[in-house]
Amino acid sequence: MNYTEQLAKFLAAMSYGALPSSVAWKAKFCILDYVANVYGSLELDAVAKIADLIRSLDGKPSATVLGCGFQADIHSAVFMNGG
């Protein structure tokens, strides 16, 4: 079994209730930090220009670009969303 398979099986068996409270707190903090960074970056001119460029592309709109009010192709959305 490869590492990816092992990780997938471990995660599939995991439940929120089984997490230690410190791990759950850290996960919540990381998600909040991510959201704050995504939405905070929208104040930057460079990010607005990139959003405009991506909006103008002809890709298949299949994923949401967070905070921008439009969808883009998956690669562009991942780029904009910081993934």
Protein backbone atom coordinates (compact mmCIF):
# COMPACT_ATOMS: atom_id res chain seq x y z
CA MET A 1 0.00 0.00 0.00
CA ASN A 2 1.39 3.42 -0.88
CA TYR A 3 1.47 6.47 1.37
CA THR A 4 -1.43 8.20 -0.36
CA GLU A 5 -3.62 5.15 0.13
CA GLN A 6 -2.64 4.92 3.79
CA LEU A 7 -3.42 8.58 4.34
CA ALA A 8 -6.78 8.29 2.54
CA LYS A 9 -7.80 5.29 4.69
CA PHE A 10 -6.73 7.08 7.86
CA LEU A 11 -8.69 10.22 6.96
CA ALA A 12 -11.76 8.26 5.86
CA ALA A 13 -11.90 6.64 9.29
CA MET A 14 -11.34 9.94 11.15
CA SER A 15 -14.20 11.89 12.72
CA TYR A 16 -14.29 15.39 14.12
CA GLY A 17 -15.23 14.06 17.56
CA ALA A 18 -12.12 11.88 17.63
CA LEU A 19 -9.78 14.84 17.22
CA PRO A 20 -8.01 16.19 20.28
CA SER A 21 -9.37 19.65 21.12
CA SER A 22 -5.98 21.26 20.40
CA VAL A 23 -6.00 19.78 16.87
CA ALA A 24 -9.58 20.93 16.23
CA TRP A 25 -8.70 24.44 17.48
CA LYS A 26 -5.61 24.61 15.24
CA ALA A 27 -7.63 23.46 12.20
CA LYS A 28 -10.24 26.16 12.84
CA PHE A 29 -7.50 28.76 13.26
CA CYS A 30 -5.83 27.72 9.98
CA ILE A 31 -9.13 27.93 8.08
CA LEU A 32 -9.87 31.37 9.54
CA ASP A 33 -6.35 32.52 8.65
CA TYR A 34 -6.79 31.26 5.07
CA VAL A 35 -10.13 33.04 4.64
CA ALA A 36 -8.73 36.27 6.09
CA ASN A 37 -5.79 36.13 3.68
CA VAL A 38 -7.98 35.44 0.65
CA TYR A 39 -10.39 38.27 1.38
CA GLY A 40 -7.67 40.63 2.64
CA SER A 41 -5.70 40.21 -0.56
CA LEU A 42 -8.67 41.48 -2.57
CA GLU A 43 -7.71 44.98 -1.39
CA LEU A 44 -4.47 44.82 -3.42
CA ASP A 45 -4.36 46.34 -6.91
CA ALA A 46 -2.28 43.45 -8.24
CA VAL A 47 -4.91 40.92 -7.14
CA ALA A 48 -7.70 42.99 -8.70
CA LYS A 49 -5.80 43.10 -11.99
CA ILE A 50 -5.24 39.34 -11.97
CA ALA A 51 -8.93 38.79 -11.17
CA ASP A 52 -9.86 40.98 -14.14
CA LEU A 53 -7.50 39.02 -16.38
CA ILE A 54 -8.90 35.68 -15.27
CA ARG A 55 -12.47 36.96 -15.69
CA SER A 56 -11.63 37.84 -19.29
CA LEU A 57 -10.33 34.37 -20.18
CA ASP A 58 -12.52 31.91 -22.05
CA GLY A 59 -12.06 28.95 -19.73
CA LYS A 60 -14.97 26.75 -18.68
CA PRO A 61 -16.37 28.30 -15.48
CA SER A 62 -16.36 25.37 -13.09
CA ALA A 63 -15.05 26.72 -9.78
CA THR A 64 -15.74 29.79 -7.66
CA VAL A 65 -13.11 32.49 -7.33
CA LEU A 66 -13.57 33.44 -3.68
CA GLY A 67 -14.69 37.00 -3.02
CA CYS A 68 -14.74 37.98 -6.70
CA GLY A 69 -18.30 37.07 -7.66
CA PHE A 70 -17.49 34.87 -10.62
CA GLN A 71 -16.41 31.38 -11.59
CA ALA A 72 -13.40 30.40 -13.67
CA ASP A 73 -11.76 27.27 -14.96
CA ILE A 74 -10.43 25.08 -12.19
CA HIS A 75 -6.76 26.02 -12.65
CA SER A 76 -7.42 29.76 -12.58
CA ALA A 77 -9.73 29.45 -9.56
CA VAL A 78 -7.13 27.44 -7.66
CA PHE A 79 -4.52 30.07 -8.51
CA MET A 80 -6.73 32.92 -7.32
CA ASN A 81 -7.90 31.06 -4.22
CA GLY A 82 -4.34 30.47 -3.11
CA GLY A 83 -4.40 26.71 -3.62
